[in-house]
Every structure is written in C-alpha cells, then in structure tokens.
Amino acid sequence: AHLVNYCLHVTLLNLFLWVGLSNTVAPIPVFCIAIPVNFLLVRYVFK
C-alpha cells in the first residue's frame, strides 16, 4: 500500500516543484492529497 502511496508522493512532489512551488512548501499539498488515499489503502490491508 505504501509503495503505491510513495509513487503518488514522489510524482506529486516533482509535479509541484516543476510548477514552481518552493522545495519547503511543495510537500504540503502532496500530504493533503496522498494521505486520504493512503488511509483507504491501509484500511483495506487491515480489514
């Protein structure tokens, strides 16, 4: 589940860096998008 999530994180990070967000700010929208996706994946694993 985290392998899928990691790929989403890195893709989004590089996308946000590419569009011009600073390297200290770019992770923040990544977290906002990827964390809900991760909850669904991890919940599936534990159920």
ModelCIF file with pLDDT and N, C-alpha, C, O atoms, coordinates in Angstrom:
data_MODEL
#
_entry.id   MODEL 
#
_entity.id                         1 
_entity.type                       polymer 
_entity.pdbx_number_of_molecules   1 
#
_entity_poly.entity_id                      1 
_entity_poly.type                           'polypeptide(L)' 
_entity_poly.nstd_linkage                   no 
_entity_poly.nstd_monomer                   no 
_entity_poly.pdbx_seq_one_letter_code       AHLVNYCLHVTLLNLFLWVGLSNTVAPIPVFCIAIPVNFLLVRYVFK 
_entity_poly.pdbx_seq_one_letter_code_can   AHLVNYCLHVTLLNLFLWVGLSNTVAPIPVFCIAIPVNFLLVRYVFK 
_entity_poly.pdbx_strand_id                 A 
#
loop_
_entity_poly_seq.entity_id 
_entity_poly_seq.num 
_entity_poly_seq.mon_id 
_entity_poly_seq.hetero 
1 1  ALA n 
1 2  HIS n 
1 3  LEU n 
1 4  VAL n 
1 5  ASN n 
1 6  TYR n 
1 7  CYS n 
1 8  LEU n 
1 9  HIS n 
1 10 VAL n 
1 11 THR n 
1 12 LEU n 
1 13 LEU n 
1 14 ASN n 
1 15 LEU n 
1 16 PHE n 
1 17 LEU n 
1 18 TRP n 
1 19 VAL n 
1 20 GLY n 
1 21 LEU n 
1 22 SER n 
1 23 ASN n 
1 24 THR n 
1 25 VAL n 
1 26 ALA n 
1 27 PRO n 
1 28 ILE n 
1 29 PRO n 
1 30 VAL n 
1 31 PHE n 
1 32 CYS n 
1 33 ILE n 
1 34 ALA n 
1 35 ILE n 
1 36 PRO n 
1 37 VAL n 
1 38 ASN n 
1 39 PHE n 
1 40 LEU n 
1 41 LEU n 
1 42 VAL n 
1 43 ARG n 
1 44 TYR n 
1 45 VAL n 
1 46 PHE n 
1 47 LYS n 
#
_struct_asym.id          A 
_struct_asym.entity_id   1 
#
loop_
_ma_qa_metric.id 
_ma_qa_metric.mode 
_ma_qa_metric.name 
_ma_qa_metric.software_group_id 
_ma_qa_metric.type 
1 global pLDDT . pLDDT 
2 local  pLDDT . pLDDT 
#
_ma_qa_metric_global.metric_id      1 
_ma_qa_metric_global.metric_value   87.87 
_ma_qa_metric_global.model_id       1 
_ma_qa_metric_global.ordinal_id     1 
#
loop_
_ma_qa_metric_local.label_asym_id 
_ma_qa_metric_local.label_comp_id 
_ma_qa_metric_local.label_seq_id 
_ma_qa_metric_local.metric_id 
_ma_qa_metric_local.metric_value 
_ma_qa_metric_local.model_id 
_ma_qa_metric_local.ordinal_id 
A ALA 1  2 81.00 1 1  
A HIS 2  2 83.00 1 2  
A LEU 3  2 89.00 1 3  
A VAL 4  2 86.00 1 4  
A ASN 5  2 86.00 1 5  
A TYR 6  2 90.00 1 6  
A CYS 7  2 92.00 1 7  
A LEU 8  2 91.00 1 8  
A HIS 9  2 92.00 1 9  
A VAL 10 2 94.00 1 10 
A THR 11 2 95.00 1 11 
A LEU 12 2 95.00 1 12 
A LEU 13 2 95.00 1 13 
A ASN 14 2 96.00 1 14 
A LEU 15 2 96.00 1 15 
A PHE 16 2 97.00 1 16 
A LEU 17 2 96.00 1 17 
A TRP 18 2 97.00 1 18 
A VAL 19 2 97.00 1 19 
A GLY 20 2 97.00 1 20 
A LEU 21 2 96.00 1 21 
A SER 22 2 95.00 1 22 
A ASN 23 2 95.00 1 23 
A THR 24 2 95.00 1 24 
A VAL 25 2 95.00 1 25 
A ALA 26 2 95.00 1 26 
A PRO 27 2 94.00 1 27 
A ILE 28 2 94.00 1 28 
A PRO 29 2 95.00 1 29 
A VAL 30 2 94.00 1 30 
A PHE 31 2 91.00 1 31 
A CYS 32 2 91.00 1 32 
A ILE 33 2 89.00 1 33 
A ALA 34 2 87.00 1 34 
A ILE 35 2 81.00 1 35 
A PRO 36 2 82.00 1 36 
A VAL 37 2 82.00 1 37 
A ASN 38 2 77.00 1 38 
A PHE 39 2 76.00 1 39 
A LEU 40 2 78.00 1 40 
A LEU 41 2 77.00 1 41 
A VAL 42 2 73.00 1 42 
A ARG 43 2 72.00 1 43 
A TYR 44 2 72.00 1 44 
A VAL 45 2 71.00 1 45 
A PHE 46 2 70.00 1 46 
A LYS 47 2 68.00 1 47 
#
loop_
_atom_site.group_PDB 
_atom_site.id 
_atom_site.type_symbol 
_atom_site.label_atom_id 
_atom_site.label_alt_id 
_atom_site.label_comp_id 
_atom_site.label_asym_id 
_atom_site.label_entity_id 
_atom_site.label_seq_id 
_atom_site.pdbx_PDB_ins_code 
_atom_site.Cartn_x 
_atom_site.Cartn_y 
_atom_site.Cartn_z 
_atom_site.occupancy 
_atom_site.B_iso_or_equiv 
_atom_site.pdbx_formal_charge 
_atom_site.auth_seq_id 
_atom_site.auth_comp_id 
_atom_site.auth_asym_id 
_atom_site.auth_atom_id 
_atom_site.pdbx_PDB_model_num 
ATOM 1   N N  . ALA A 1 1  ? 0.844   -1.201 0.000   1.00 81.00 ? 1  ALA A N  1 
ATOM 2   C CA . ALA A 1 1  ? 0.000   0.000  0.000   1.00 81.00 ? 1  ALA A CA 1 
ATOM 3   C C  . ALA A 1 1  ? 0.877   1.248  0.000   1.00 81.00 ? 1  ALA A C  1 
ATOM 4   O O  . ALA A 1 1  ? 0.578   2.227  -0.685  1.00 81.00 ? 1  ALA A O  1 
ATOM 5   N N  . HIS A 1 2  ? 1.949   1.208  0.765   1.00 83.00 ? 2  HIS A N  1 
ATOM 6   C CA . HIS A 1 2  ? 2.834   2.364  0.830   1.00 83.00 ? 2  HIS A CA 1 
ATOM 7   C C  . HIS A 1 2  ? 3.710   2.498  -0.411  1.00 83.00 ? 2  HIS A C  1 
ATOM 8   O O  . HIS A 1 2  ? 4.166   3.597  -0.725  1.00 83.00 ? 2  HIS A O  1 
ATOM 9   N N  . LEU A 1 3  ? 3.948   1.417  -1.106  1.00 89.00 ? 3  LEU A N  1 
ATOM 10  C CA . LEU A 1 3  ? 4.675   1.520  -2.376  1.00 89.00 ? 3  LEU A CA 1 
ATOM 11  C C  . LEU A 1 3  ? 3.847   2.337  -3.372  1.00 89.00 ? 3  LEU A C  1 
ATOM 12  O O  . LEU A 1 3  ? 4.371   3.223  -4.048  1.00 89.00 ? 3  LEU A O  1 
ATOM 13  N N  . VAL A 1 4  ? 2.564   2.032  -3.453  1.00 86.00 ? 4  VAL A N  1 
ATOM 14  C CA . VAL A 1 4  ? 1.650   2.806  -4.298  1.00 86.00 ? 4  VAL A CA 1 
ATOM 15  C C  . VAL A 1 4  ? 1.624   4.256  -3.814  1.00 86.00 ? 4  VAL A C  1 
ATOM 16  O O  . VAL A 1 4  ? 1.704   5.188  -4.615  1.00 86.00 ? 4  VAL A O  1 
ATOM 17  N N  . ASN A 1 5  ? 1.512   4.435  -2.510  1.00 86.00 ? 5  ASN A N  1 
ATOM 18  C CA . ASN A 1 5  ? 1.454   5.761  -1.923  1.00 86.00 ? 5  ASN A CA 1 
ATOM 19  C C  . ASN A 1 5  ? 2.753   6.534  -2.156  1.00 86.00 ? 5  ASN A C  1 
ATOM 20  O O  . ASN A 1 5  ? 2.723   7.731  -2.445  1.00 86.00 ? 5  ASN A O  1 
ATOM 21  N N  . TYR A 1 6  ? 3.890   5.852  -2.030  1.00 90.00 ? 6  TYR A N  1 
ATOM 22  C CA . TYR A 1 6  ? 5.189   6.500  -2.261  1.00 90.00 ? 6  TYR A CA 1 
ATOM 23  C C  . TYR A 1 6  ? 5.286   7.012  -3.699  1.00 90.00 ? 6  TYR A C  1 
ATOM 24  O O  . TYR A 1 6  ? 5.741   8.132  -3.935  1.00 90.00 ? 6  TYR A O  1 
ATOM 25  N N  . CYS A 1 7  ? 4.862   6.198  -4.646  1.00 92.00 ? 7  CYS A N  1 
ATOM 26  C CA . CYS A 1 7  ? 4.885   6.626  -6.054  1.00 92.00 ? 7  CYS A CA 1 
ATOM 27  C C  . CYS A 1 7  ? 4.015   7.865  -6.258  1.00 92.00 ? 7  CYS A C  1 
ATOM 28  O O  . CYS A 1 7  ? 4.398   8.787  -6.979  1.00 92.00 ? 7  CYS A O  1 
ATOM 29  N N  . LEU A 1 8  ? 2.853   7.884  -5.625  1.00 91.00 ? 8  LEU A N  1 
ATOM 30  C CA . LEU A 1 8  ? 1.977   9.056  -5.690  1.00 91.00 ? 8  LEU A CA 1 
ATOM 31  C C  . LEU A 1 8  ? 2.675   10.267 -5.063  1.00 91.00 ? 8  LEU A C  1 
ATOM 32  O O  . LEU A 1 8  ? 2.641   11.359 -5.631  1.00 91.00 ? 8  LEU A O  1 
ATOM 33  N N  . HIS A 1 9  ? 3.301   10.086 -3.908  1.00 92.00 ? 9  HIS A N  1 
ATOM 34  C CA . HIS A 1 9  ? 4.011   11.164 -3.226  1.00 92.00 ? 9  HIS A CA 1 
ATOM 35  C C  . HIS A 1 9  ? 5.099   11.757 -4.114  1.00 92.00 ? 9  HIS A C  1 
ATOM 36  O O  . HIS A 1 9  ? 5.142   12.970 -4.322  1.00 92.00 ? 9  HIS A O  1 
ATOM 37  N N  . VAL A 1 10 ? 5.970   10.913 -4.633  1.00 94.00 ? 10 VAL A N  1 
ATOM 38  C CA . VAL A 1 10 ? 7.113   11.400 -5.403  1.00 94.00 ? 10 VAL A CA 1 
ATOM 39  C C  . VAL A 1 10 ? 6.656   12.071 -6.700  1.00 94.00 ? 10 VAL A C  1 
ATOM 40  O O  . VAL A 1 10 ? 7.209   13.094 -7.103  1.00 94.00 ? 10 VAL A O  1 
ATOM 41  N N  . THR A 1 11 ? 5.656   11.495 -7.342  1.00 95.00 ? 11 THR A N  1 
ATOM 42  C CA . THR A 1 11 ? 5.121   12.106 -8.566  1.00 95.00 ? 11 THR A CA 1 
ATOM 43  C C  . THR A 1 11 ? 4.554   13.492 -8.268  1.00 95.00 ? 11 THR A C  1 
ATOM 44  O O  . THR A 1 11 ? 4.852   14.458 -8.970  1.00 95.00 ? 11 THR A O  1 
ATOM 45  N N  . LEU A 1 12 ? 3.738   13.579 -7.227  1.00 95.00 ? 12 LEU A N  1 
ATOM 46  C CA . LEU A 1 12 ? 3.157   14.869 -6.865  1.00 95.00 ? 12 LEU A CA 1 
ATOM 47  C C  . LEU A 1 12 ? 4.221   15.871 -6.416  1.00 95.00 ? 12 LEU A C  1 
ATOM 48  O O  . LEU A 1 12 ? 4.153   17.046 -6.775  1.00 95.00 ? 12 LEU A O  1 
ATOM 49  N N  . LEU A 1 13 ? 5.200   15.416 -5.638  1.00 95.00 ? 13 LEU A N  1 
ATOM 50  C CA . LEU A 1 13 ? 6.272   16.302 -5.194  1.00 95.00 ? 13 LEU A CA 1 
ATOM 51  C C  . LEU A 1 13 ? 6.968   16.926 -6.396  1.00 95.00 ? 13 LEU A C  1 
ATOM 52  O O  . LEU A 1 13 ? 7.147   18.142 -6.463  1.00 95.00 ? 13 LEU A O  1 
ATOM 53  N N  . ASN A 1 14 ? 7.358   16.082 -7.340  1.00 96.00 ? 14 ASN A N  1 
ATOM 54  C CA . ASN A 1 14 ? 8.059   16.594 -8.513  1.00 96.00 ? 14 ASN A CA 1 
ATOM 55  C C  . ASN A 1 14 ? 7.162   17.463 -9.387  1.00 96.00 ? 14 ASN A C  1 
ATOM 56  O O  . ASN A 1 14 ? 7.639   18.407 -10.016 1.00 96.00 ? 14 ASN A O  1 
ATOM 57  N N  . LEU A 1 15 ? 5.885   17.157 -9.431  1.00 96.00 ? 15 LEU A N  1 
ATOM 58  C CA . LEU A 1 15 ? 4.940   17.998 -10.161 1.00 96.00 ? 15 LEU A CA 1 
ATOM 59  C C  . LEU A 1 15 ? 4.854   19.387 -9.521  1.00 96.00 ? 15 LEU A C  1 
ATOM 60  O O  . LEU A 1 15 ? 4.918   20.399 -10.221 1.00 96.00 ? 15 LEU A O  1 
ATOM 61  N N  . PHE A 1 16 ? 4.711   19.436 -8.199  1.00 97.00 ? 16 PHE A N  1 
ATOM 62  C CA . PHE A 1 16 ? 4.614   20.719 -7.517  1.00 97.00 ? 16 PHE A CA 1 
ATOM 63  C C  . PHE A 1 16 ? 5.925   21.507 -7.591  1.00 97.00 ? 16 PHE A C  1 
ATOM 64  O O  . PHE A 1 16 ? 5.901   22.736 -7.662  1.00 97.00 ? 16 PHE A O  1 
ATOM 65  N N  . LEU A 1 17 ? 7.065   20.816 -7.574  1.00 96.00 ? 17 LEU A N  1 
ATOM 66  C CA . LEU A 1 17 ? 8.345   21.502 -7.771  1.00 96.00 ? 17 LEU A CA 1 
ATOM 67  C C  . LEU A 1 17 ? 8.432   22.055 -9.190  1.00 96.00 ? 17 LEU A C  1 
ATOM 68  O O  . LEU A 1 17 ? 8.917   23.166 -9.402  1.00 96.00 ? 17 LEU A O  1 
ATOM 69  N N  . TRP A 1 18 ? 7.964   21.278 -10.153 1.00 97.00 ? 18 TRP A N  1 
ATOM 70  C CA . TRP A 1 18 ? 8.002   21.681 -11.557 1.00 97.00 ? 18 TRP A CA 1 
ATOM 71  C C  . TRP A 1 18 ? 7.146   22.918 -11.827 1.00 97.00 ? 18 TRP A C  1 
ATOM 72  O O  . TRP A 1 18 ? 7.528   23.781 -12.617 1.00 97.00 ? 18 TRP A O  1 
ATOM 73  N N  . VAL A 1 19 ? 5.982   23.001 -11.166 1.00 97.00 ? 19 VAL A N  1 
ATOM 74  C CA . VAL A 1 19 ? 5.117   24.165 -11.385 1.00 97.00 ? 19 VAL A CA 1 
ATOM 75  C C  . VAL A 1 19 ? 5.594   25.400 -10.611 1.00 97.00 ? 19 VAL A C  1 
ATOM 76  O O  . VAL A 1 19 ? 5.023   26.481 -10.758 1.00 97.00 ? 19 VAL A O  1 
ATOM 77  N N  . GLY A 1 20 ? 6.626   25.243 -9.798  1.00 97.00 ? 20 GLY A N  1 
ATOM 78  C CA . GLY A 1 20 ? 7.242   26.411 -9.191  1.00 97.00 ? 20 GLY A CA 1 
ATOM 79  C C  . GLY A 1 20 ? 7.115   26.562 -7.693  1.00 97.00 ? 20 GLY A C  1 
ATOM 80  O O  . GLY A 1 20 ? 7.583   27.559 -7.141  1.00 97.00 ? 20 GLY A O  1 
ATOM 81  N N  . LEU A 1 21 ? 6.499   25.609 -7.013  1.00 96.00 ? 21 LEU A N  1 
ATOM 82  C CA . LEU A 1 21 ? 6.460   25.712 -5.553  1.00 96.00 ? 21 LEU A CA 1 
ATOM 83  C C  . LEU A 1 21 ? 7.870   25.523 -5.003  1.00 96.00 ? 21 LEU A C  1 
ATOM 84  O O  . LEU A 1 21 ? 8.671   24.779 -5.571  1.00 96.00 ? 21 LEU A O  1 
ATOM 85  N N  . SER A 1 22 ? 8.165   26.192 -3.907  1.00 95.00 ? 22 SER A N  1 
ATOM 86  C CA . SER A 1 22 ? 9.486   26.046 -3.296  1.00 95.00 ? 22 SER A CA 1 
ATOM 87  C C  . SER A 1 22 ? 9.628   24.646 -2.713  1.00 95.00 ? 22 SER A C  1 
ATOM 88  O O  . SER A 1 22 ? 8.641   23.969 -2.428  1.00 95.00 ? 22 SER A O  1 
ATOM 89  N N  . ASN A 1 23 ? 10.870  24.233 -2.546  1.00 95.00 ? 23 ASN A N  1 
ATOM 90  C CA . ASN A 1 23 ? 11.093  22.875 -2.041  1.00 95.00 ? 23 ASN A CA 1 
ATOM 91  C C  . ASN A 1 23 ? 10.675  22.703 -0.584  1.00 95.00 ? 23 ASN A C  1 
ATOM 92  O O  . ASN A 1 23 ? 10.542  21.574 -0.113  1.00 95.00 ? 23 ASN A O  1 
ATOM 93  N N  . THR A 1 24 ? 10.468  23.794 0.132   1.00 95.00 ? 24 THR A N  1 
ATOM 94  C CA . THR A 1 24 ? 9.975   23.664 1.514   1.00 95.00 ? 24 THR A CA 1 
ATOM 95  C C  . THR A 1 24 ? 8.447   23.638 1.572   1.00 95.00 ? 24 THR A C  1 
ATOM 96  O O  . THR A 1 24 ? 7.878   23.155 2.551   1.00 95.00 ? 24 THR A O  1 
ATOM 97  N N  . VAL A 1 25 ? 7.784   24.144 0.548   1.00 95.00 ? 25 VAL A N  1 
ATOM 98  C CA . VAL A 1 25 ? 6.320   24.194 0.522   1.00 95.00 ? 25 VAL A CA 1 
ATOM 99  C C  . VAL A 1 25 ? 5.729   23.035 -0.282  1.00 95.00 ? 25 VAL A C  1 
ATOM 100 O O  . VAL A 1 25 ? 4.628   22.578 0.026   1.00 95.00 ? 25 VAL A O  1 
ATOM 101 N N  . ALA A 1 26 ? 6.429   22.557 -1.293  1.00 95.00 ? 26 ALA A N  1 
ATOM 102 C CA . ALA A 1 26 ? 5.894   21.521 -2.192  1.00 95.00 ? 26 ALA A CA 1 
ATOM 103 C C  . ALA A 1 26 ? 5.363   20.276 -1.480  1.00 95.00 ? 26 ALA A C  1 
ATOM 104 O O  . ALA A 1 26 ? 4.357   19.729 -1.931  1.00 95.00 ? 26 ALA A O  1 
ATOM 105 N N  . PRO A 1 27 ? 5.981   19.795 -0.391  1.00 94.00 ? 27 PRO A N  1 
ATOM 106 C CA . PRO A 1 27 ? 5.430   18.609 0.270   1.00 94.00 ? 27 PRO A CA 1 
ATOM 107 C C  . PRO A 1 27 ? 4.042   18.806 0.887   1.00 94.00 ? 27 PRO A C  1 
ATOM 108 O O  . PRO A 1 27 ? 3.291   17.842 1.034   1.00 94.00 ? 27 PRO A O  1 
ATOM 109 N N  . ILE A 1 28 ? 3.703   20.021 1.241   1.00 94.00 ? 28 ILE A N  1 
ATOM 110 C CA . ILE A 1 28 ? 2.444   20.250 1.955   1.00 94.00 ? 28 ILE A CA 1 
ATOM 111 C C  . ILE A 1 28 ? 1.221   19.858 1.120   1.00 94.00 ? 28 ILE A C  1 
ATOM 112 O O  . ILE A 1 28 ? 0.378   19.118 1.628   1.00 94.00 ? 28 ILE A O  1 
ATOM 113 N N  . PRO A 1 29 ? 1.074   20.313 -0.140  1.00 95.00 ? 29 PRO A N  1 
ATOM 114 C CA . PRO A 1 29 ? -0.074  19.831 -0.921  1.00 95.00 ? 29 PRO A CA 1 
ATOM 115 C C  . PRO A 1 29 ? 0.019   18.332 -1.236  1.00 95.00 ? 29 PRO A C  1 
ATOM 116 O O  . PRO A 1 29 ? -1.000  17.663 -1.408  1.00 95.00 ? 29 PRO A O  1 
ATOM 117 N N  . VAL A 1 30 ? 1.250   17.815 -1.309  1.00 94.00 ? 30 VAL A N  1 
ATOM 118 C CA . VAL A 1 30 ? 1.408   16.366 -1.514  1.00 94.00 ? 30 VAL A CA 1 
ATOM 119 C C  . VAL A 1 30 ? 0.754   15.611 -0.358  1.00 94.00 ? 30 VAL A C  1 
ATOM 120 O O  . VAL A 1 30 ? -0.005  14.669 -0.581  1.00 94.00 ? 30 VAL A O  1 
ATOM 121 N N  . PHE A 1 31 ? 1.045   16.021 0.861   1.00 91.00 ? 31 PHE A N  1 
ATOM 122 C CA . PHE A 1 31 ? 0.460   15.375 2.034   1.00 91.00 ? 31 PHE A CA 1 
ATOM 123 C C  . PHE A 1 31 ? -1.067  15.464 2.001   1.00 91.00 ? 31 PHE A C  1 
ATOM 124 O O  . PHE A 1 31 ? -1.761  14.496 2.312   1.00 91.00 ? 31 PHE A O  1 
ATOM 125 N N  . CYS A 1 32 ? -1.575  16.627 1.622   1.00 91.00 ? 32 CYS A N  1 
ATOM 126 C CA . CYS A 1 32 ? -3.037  16.833 1.601   1.00 91.00 ? 32 CYS A CA 1 
ATOM 127 C C  . CYS A 1 32 ? -3.741  15.906 0.605   1.00 91.00 ? 32 CYS A C  1 
ATOM 128 O O  . CYS A 1 32 ? -4.883  15.507 0.833   1.00 91.00 ? 32 CYS A O  1 
ATOM 129 N N  . ILE A 1 33 ? -3.081  15.570 -0.473  1.00 89.00 ? 33 ILE A N  1 
ATOM 130 C CA . ILE A 1 33 ? -3.675  14.696 -1.485  1.00 89.00 ? 33 ILE A CA 1 
ATOM 131 C C  . ILE A 1 33 ? -3.435  13.218 -1.150  1.00 89.00 ? 33 ILE A C  1 
ATOM 132 O O  . ILE A 1 33 ? -4.352  12.401 -1.226  1.00 89.00 ? 33 ILE A O  1 
ATOM 133 N N  . ALA A 1 34 ? -2.201  12.888 -0.781  1.00 87.00 ? 34 ALA A N  1 
ATOM 134 C CA . ALA A 1 34 ? -1.818  11.483 -0.643  1.00 87.00 ? 34 ALA A CA 1 
ATOM 135 C C  . ALA A 1 34 ? -2.296  10.829 0.650   1.00 87.00 ? 34 ALA A C  1 
ATOM 136 O O  . ALA A 1 34 ? -2.521  9.619  0.669   1.00 87.00 ? 34 ALA A O  1 
ATOM 137 N N  . ILE A 1 35 ? -2.456  11.580 1.712   1.00 81.00 ? 35 ILE A N  1 
ATOM 138 C CA . ILE A 1 35 ? -2.833  10.975 2.995   1.00 81.00 ? 35 ILE A CA 1 
ATOM 139 C C  . ILE A 1 35 ? -4.226  10.347 2.950   1.00 81.00 ? 35 ILE A C  1 
ATOM 140 O O  . ILE A 1 35 ? -4.384  9.228  3.439   1.00 81.00 ? 35 ILE A O  1 
ATOM 141 N N  . PRO A 1 36 ? -5.247  11.008 2.389   1.00 82.00 ? 36 PRO A N  1 
ATOM 142 C CA . PRO A 1 36 ? -6.552  10.333 2.298   1.00 82.00 ? 36 PRO A CA 1 
ATOM 143 C C  . PRO A 1 36 ? -6.508  9.054  1.445   1.00 82.00 ? 36 PRO A C  1 
ATOM 144 O O  . PRO A 1 36 ? -7.165  8.064  1.765   1.00 82.00 ? 36 PRO A O  1 
ATOM 145 N N  . VAL A 1 37 ? -5.735  9.088  0.368   1.00 82.00 ? 37 VAL A N  1 
ATOM 146 C CA . VAL A 1 37 ? -5.574  7.895  -0.464  1.00 82.00 ? 37 VAL A CA 1 
ATOM 147 C C  . VAL A 1 37 ? -4.927  6.784  0.350   1.00 82.00 ? 37 VAL A C  1 
ATOM 148 O O  . VAL A 1 37 ? -5.336  5.626  0.270   1.00 82.00 ? 37 VAL A O  1 
ATOM 149 N N  . ASN A 1 38 ? -3.915  7.143  1.133   1.00 77.00 ? 38 ASN A N  1 
ATOM 150 C CA . ASN A 1 38 ? -3.230  6.163  1.966   1.00 77.00 ? 38 ASN A CA 1 
ATOM 151 C C  . ASN A 1 38 ? -4.163  5.541  2.994   1.00 77.00 ? 38 ASN A C  1 
ATOM 152 O O  . ASN A 1 38 ? -4.079  4.340  3.249   1.00 77.00 ? 38 ASN A O  1 
ATOM 153 N N  . PHE A 1 39 ? -5.055  6.336  3.594   1.00 76.00 ? 39 PHE A N  1 
ATOM 154 C CA . PHE A 1 39 ? -6.000  5.777  4.563   1.00 76.00 ? 39 PHE A CA 1 
ATOM 155 C C  . PHE A 1 39 ? -6.825  4.669  3.928   1.00 76.00 ? 39 PHE A C  1 
ATOM 156 O O  . PHE A 1 39 ? -7.006  3.610  4.528   1.00 76.00 ? 39 PHE A O  1 
ATOM 157 N N  . LEU A 1 40 ? -7.318  4.900  2.740   1.00 78.00 ? 40 LEU A N  1 
ATOM 158 C CA . LEU A 1 40 ? -8.154  3.890  2.055   1.00 78.00 ? 40 LEU A CA 1 
ATOM 159 C C  . LEU A 1 40 ? -7.347  2.627  1.775   1.00 78.00 ? 40 LEU A C  1 
ATOM 160 O O  . LEU A 1 40 ? -7.844  1.517  1.966   1.00 78.00 ? 40 LEU A O  1 
ATOM 161 N N  . LEU A 1 41 ? -6.104  2.789  1.322   1.00 77.00 ? 41 LEU A N  1 
ATOM 162 C CA . LEU A 1 41 ? -5.267  1.626  1.027   1.00 77.00 ? 41 LEU A CA 1 
ATOM 163 C C  . LEU A 1 41 ? -4.935  0.839  2.288   1.00 77.00 ? 41 LEU A C  1 
ATOM 164 O O  . LEU A 1 41 ? -5.048  -0.387 2.306   1.00 77.00 ? 41 LEU A O  1 
ATOM 165 N N  . VAL A 1 42 ? -4.525  1.539  3.341   1.00 73.00 ? 42 VAL A N  1 
ATOM 166 C CA . VAL A 1 42 ? -4.127  0.868  4.582   1.00 73.00 ? 42 VAL A CA 1 
ATOM 167 C C  . VAL A 1 42 ? -5.323  0.237  5.277   1.00 73.00 ? 42 VAL A C  1 
ATOM 168 O O  . VAL A 1 42 ? -5.216  -0.857 5.831   1.00 73.00 ? 42 VAL A O  1 
ATOM 169 N N  . ARG A 1 43 ? -6.450  0.913  5.249   1.00 72.00 ? 43 ARG A N  1 
ATOM 170 C CA . ARG A 1 43 ? -7.655  0.344  5.872   1.00 72.00 ? 43 ARG A CA 1 
ATOM 171 C C  . ARG A 1 43 ? -8.016  -0.969 5.196   1.00 72.00 ? 43 ARG A C  1 
ATOM 172 O O  . ARG A 1 43 ? -8.416  -1.925 5.861   1.00 72.00 ? 43 ARG A O  1 
ATOM 173 N N  . TYR A 1 44 ? -7.874  -1.017 3.876   1.00 72.00 ? 44 TYR A N  1 
ATOM 174 C CA . TYR A 1 44 ? -8.141  -2.241 3.120   1.00 72.00 ? 44 TYR A CA 1 
ATOM 175 C C  . TYR A 1 44 ? -7.194  -3.363 3.592   1.00 72.00 ? 44 TYR A C  1 
ATOM 176 O O  . TYR A 1 44 ? -7.621  -4.505 3.765   1.00 72.00 ? 44 TYR A O  1 
ATOM 177 N N  . VAL A 1 45 ? -5.940  -3.038 3.794   1.00 71.00 ? 45 VAL A N  1 
ATOM 178 C CA . VAL A 1 45 ? -4.956  -4.050 4.235   1.00 71.00 ? 45 VAL A CA 1 
ATOM 179 C C  . VAL A 1 45 ? -5.322  -4.596 5.602   1.00 71.00 ? 45 VAL A C  1 
ATOM 180 O O  . VAL A 1 45 ? -5.212  -5.801 5.831   1.00 71.00 ? 45 VAL A O  1 
ATOM 181 N N  . PHE A 1 46 ? -5.756  -3.733 6.521   1.00 70.00 ? 46 PHE A N  1 
ATOM 182 C CA . PHE A 1 46 ? -6.039  -4.165 7.876   1.00 70.00 ? 46 PHE A CA 1 
ATOM 183 C C  . PHE A 1 46 ? -7.431  -4.739 8.047   1.00 70.00 ? 46 PHE A C  1 
ATOM 184 O O  . PHE A 1 46 ? -7.753  -5.254 9.118   1.00 70.00 ? 46 PHE A O  1 
ATOM 185 N N  . LYS A 1 47 ? -8.245  -4.665 7.043   1.00 68.00 ? 47 LYS A N  1 
ATOM 186 C CA . LYS A 1 47 ? -9.580  -5.269 7.100   1.00 68.00 ? 47 LYS A CA 1 
ATOM 187 C C  . LYS A 1 47 ? -9.508  -6.551 6.373   1.00 68.00 ? 47 LYS A C  1 
ATOM 188 O O  . LYS A 1 47 ? -10.509 -7.261 6.274   1.00 68.00 ? 47 LYS A O  1 
#
